[in-house]
Amino acid sequence: MIAMSFITSFFTFMAVVSGGTLLVLVYLDNRKSRIDDGIAQFRRHIDALSPEARRSSVHHNNSDDRWSR
């Protein structure tokens, strides 16, 4: 009877710990920034630049302009 109580309480404890760990992992996964968040942040940053700064960034990243030099 004592052994059965120990095994039951052990598995109950392990289930609670596993469930808590799962909840923490799900919470941390949902908290991460997504790739779309980074793209949106980059576009906001580019939009905030002055036209002169934006022109040099676009010119630097444009493959047609790179090969025409």
N, C-alpha and C. Protein backbone atom coordinates (compact mmCIF):
# COMPACT_ATOMS: atom_id res chain seq x y z
N MET A 1 0.81 -1.18 0.00
CA MET A 1 0.00 0.00 0.00
C MET A 1 0.87 1.26 0.00
N ILE A 2 1.95 1.26 0.78
CA ILE A 2 2.84 2.42 0.83
C ILE A 2 3.54 2.60 -0.51
N ALA A 3 3.96 1.50 -1.14
CA ALA A 3 4.64 1.58 -2.43
C ALA A 3 3.70 2.13 -3.49
N MET A 4 2.45 1.74 -3.46
CA MET A 4 1.49 2.23 -4.43
C MET A 4 1.26 3.72 -4.24
N SER A 5 1.23 4.17 -3.03
CA SER A 5 1.05 5.59 -2.74
C SER A 5 2.26 6.39 -3.24
N PHE A 6 3.47 5.85 -3.06
CA PHE A 6 4.68 6.52 -3.52
C PHE A 6 4.69 6.63 -5.03
N ILE A 7 4.37 5.55 -5.72
CA ILE A 7 4.37 5.55 -7.19
C ILE A 7 3.31 6.52 -7.71
N THR A 8 2.15 6.52 -7.11
CA THR A 8 1.08 7.43 -7.54
C THR A 8 1.49 8.88 -7.34
N SER A 9 2.06 9.18 -6.18
CA SER A 9 2.47 10.56 -5.92
C SER A 9 3.65 10.97 -6.81
N PHE A 10 4.55 10.02 -7.11
CA PHE A 10 5.67 10.32 -7.99
C PHE A 10 5.19 10.68 -9.39
N PHE A 11 4.29 9.88 -9.94
CA PHE A 11 3.78 10.15 -11.28
C PHE A 11 2.91 11.42 -11.31
N THR A 12 2.21 11.69 -10.24
CA THR A 12 1.45 12.93 -10.16
C THR A 12 2.40 14.12 -10.17
N PHE A 13 3.46 14.03 -9.38
CA PHE A 13 4.46 15.09 -9.34
C PHE A 13 5.10 15.29 -10.72
N MET A 14 5.46 14.20 -11.38
CA MET A 14 6.07 14.29 -12.71
C MET A 14 5.10 14.89 -13.73
N ALA A 15 3.82 14.57 -13.63
CA ALA A 15 2.83 15.14 -14.53
C ALA A 15 2.70 16.64 -14.33
N VAL A 16 2.71 17.07 -13.08
CA VAL A 16 2.61 18.51 -12.79
C VAL A 16 3.85 19.24 -13.29
N VAL A 17 5.04 18.67 -13.06
CA VAL A 17 6.27 19.30 -13.53
C VAL A 17 6.30 19.35 -15.07
N SER A 18 5.89 18.27 -15.71
CA SER A 18 5.87 18.25 -17.18
C SER A 18 4.87 19.26 -17.73
N GLY A 19 3.72 19.33 -17.13
CA GLY A 19 2.72 20.30 -17.57
C GLY A 19 3.19 21.73 -17.39
N GLY A 20 3.84 22.00 -16.26
CA GLY A 20 4.37 23.34 -16.02
C GLY A 20 5.46 23.70 -17.02
N THR A 21 6.33 22.73 -17.30
CA THR A 21 7.38 22.96 -18.28
C THR A 21 6.80 23.22 -19.66
N LEU A 22 5.79 22.49 -20.03
CA LEU A 22 5.13 22.69 -21.31
C LEU A 22 4.52 24.09 -21.39
N LEU A 23 3.87 24.52 -20.34
CA LEU A 23 3.27 25.86 -20.33
C LEU A 23 4.34 26.95 -20.47
N VAL A 24 5.46 26.78 -19.77
CA VAL A 24 6.55 27.76 -19.87
C VAL A 24 7.11 27.79 -21.29
N LEU A 25 7.31 26.63 -21.89
CA LEU A 25 7.85 26.59 -23.26
C LEU A 25 6.89 27.21 -24.26
N VAL A 26 5.60 26.96 -24.13
CA VAL A 26 4.62 27.57 -25.03
C VAL A 26 4.61 29.08 -24.85
N TYR A 27 4.68 29.55 -23.60
CA TYR A 27 4.71 30.99 -23.34
C TYR A 27 5.94 31.63 -23.96
N LEU A 28 7.11 31.02 -23.79
CA LEU A 28 8.34 31.58 -24.35
C LEU A 28 8.34 31.54 -25.87
N ASP A 29 7.75 30.52 -26.46
CA ASP A 29 7.67 30.44 -27.91
C ASP A 29 6.77 31.53 -28.47
N ASN A 30 5.67 31.81 -27.81
CA ASN A 30 4.75 32.85 -28.29
C ASN A 30 5.33 34.24 -28.08
N ARG A 31 6.28 34.37 -27.16
CA ARG A 31 6.87 35.67 -26.87
C ARG A 31 7.93 36.08 -27.88
N LYS A 32 8.49 35.12 -28.58
CA LYS A 32 9.54 35.41 -29.55
C LYS A 32 9.01 36.28 -30.67
N SER A 33 9.89 37.10 -31.21
CA SER A 33 9.47 37.90 -32.36
C SER A 33 9.49 37.01 -33.60
N ARG A 34 8.59 37.23 -34.46
CA ARG A 34 8.49 36.47 -35.69
C ARG A 34 9.27 37.17 -36.79
N ILE A 35 9.54 36.48 -37.89
CA ILE A 35 10.27 37.08 -39.01
C ILE A 35 9.48 38.24 -39.59
N ASP A 36 8.16 38.15 -39.59
CA ASP A 36 7.35 39.24 -40.11
C ASP A 36 7.50 40.50 -39.27
N ASP A 37 7.69 40.33 -37.96
CA ASP A 37 7.90 41.49 -37.09
C ASP A 37 9.20 42.20 -37.46
N GLY A 38 10.23 41.44 -37.76
CA GLY A 38 11.51 42.04 -38.17
C GLY A 38 11.41 42.76 -39.48
N ILE A 39 10.66 42.19 -40.43
CA ILE A 39 10.48 42.83 -41.72
C ILE A 39 9.71 44.13 -41.57
N ALA A 40 8.66 44.10 -40.76
CA ALA A 40 7.88 45.32 -40.53
C ALA A 40 8.72 46.38 -39.85
N GLN A 41 9.54 45.98 -38.90
CA GLN A 41 10.41 46.94 -38.21
C GLN A 41 11.43 47.53 -39.19
N PHE A 42 11.98 46.72 -40.07
CA PHE A 42 12.92 47.21 -41.07
C PHE A 42 12.25 48.20 -42.00
N ARG A 43 11.03 47.90 -42.43
CA ARG A 43 10.33 48.83 -43.33
C ARG A 43 10.01 50.14 -42.64
N ARG A 44 9.64 50.08 -41.35
CA ARG A 44 9.40 51.33 -40.60
C ARG A 44 10.69 52.14 -40.49
N HIS A 45 11.80 51.44 -40.31
CA HIS A 45 13.09 52.13 -40.21
C HIS A 45 13.44 52.81 -41.54
N ILE A 46 13.26 52.10 -42.63
CA ILE A 46 13.54 52.67 -43.96
C ILE A 46 12.61 53.85 -44.24
N ASP A 47 11.35 53.72 -43.88
CA ASP A 47 10.41 54.82 -44.10
C ASP A 47 10.77 56.05 -43.27
N ALA A 48 11.41 55.85 -42.13
CA ALA A 48 11.77 56.97 -41.27
C ALA A 48 13.02 57.70 -41.77
N LEU A 49 13.78 57.09 -42.66
CA LEU A 49 14.99 57.72 -43.18
C LEU A 49 14.65 58.89 -44.09
N SER A 50 15.57 59.80 -44.19
CA SER A 50 15.40 60.91 -45.12
C SER A 50 15.51 60.37 -46.54
N PRO A 51 14.98 61.11 -47.52
CA PRO A 51 15.07 60.62 -48.90
C PRO A 51 16.51 60.40 -49.37
N GLU A 52 17.44 61.25 -48.93
CA GLU A 52 18.84 61.08 -49.35
C GLU A 52 19.42 59.78 -48.79
N ALA A 53 19.16 59.52 -47.51
CA ALA A 53 19.66 58.29 -46.90
C ALA A 53 18.98 57.06 -47.50
N ARG A 54 17.71 57.17 -47.78
CA ARG A 54 16.98 56.06 -48.38
C ARG A 54 17.51 55.77 -49.78
N ARG A 55 17.83 56.80 -50.53
CA ARG A 55 18.33 56.63 -51.90
C ARG A 55 19.64 55.86 -51.88
N SER A 56 20.55 56.18 -50.96
CA SER A 56 21.82 55.46 -50.93
C SER A 56 21.63 54.01 -50.48
N SER A 57 20.68 53.75 -49.58
CA SER A 57 20.41 52.37 -49.16
C SER A 57 19.82 51.55 -50.28
N VAL A 58 18.88 52.15 -51.00
CA VAL A 58 18.25 51.43 -52.11
C VAL A 58 19.26 51.23 -53.23
N HIS A 59 20.06 52.24 -53.49
CA HIS A 59 21.07 52.14 -54.54
C HIS A 59 22.09 51.06 -54.20
N HIS A 60 22.49 50.97 -52.95
CA HIS A 60 23.47 49.97 -52.51
C HIS A 60 22.92 48.56 -52.64
N ASN A 61 21.62 48.38 -52.43
CA ASN A 61 21.02 47.05 -52.44
C ASN A 61 20.43 46.66 -53.80
N ASN A 62 20.43 47.56 -54.74
CA ASN A 62 19.87 47.27 -56.06
C ASN A 62 20.94 46.60 -56.92
N SER A 63 20.68 45.39 -57.39
CA SER A 63 21.68 44.63 -58.14
C SER A 63 21.98 45.27 -59.49
N ASP A 64 21.00 45.91 -60.13
CA ASP A 64 21.24 46.56 -61.42
C ASP A 64 22.23 47.71 -61.26
N ASP A 65 22.10 48.47 -60.19
CA ASP A 65 23.01 49.58 -59.96
C ASP A 65 24.41 49.11 -59.62
N ARG A 66 24.51 47.97 -58.96
CA ARG A 66 25.81 47.44 -58.56
C ARG A 66 26.64 47.07 -59.79
N TRP A 67 26.00 46.48 -60.78
CA TRP A 67 26.74 46.00 -61.96
C TRP A 67 26.99 47.12 -62.97
N SER A 68 26.30 48.23 -62.86
CA SER A 68 26.46 49.28 -63.86
C SER A 68 27.62 50.22 -63.53
N ARG A 69 28.25 50.06 -62.39
CA ARG A 69 29.37 50.95 -62.02
C ARG A 69 30.59 50.67 -62.80
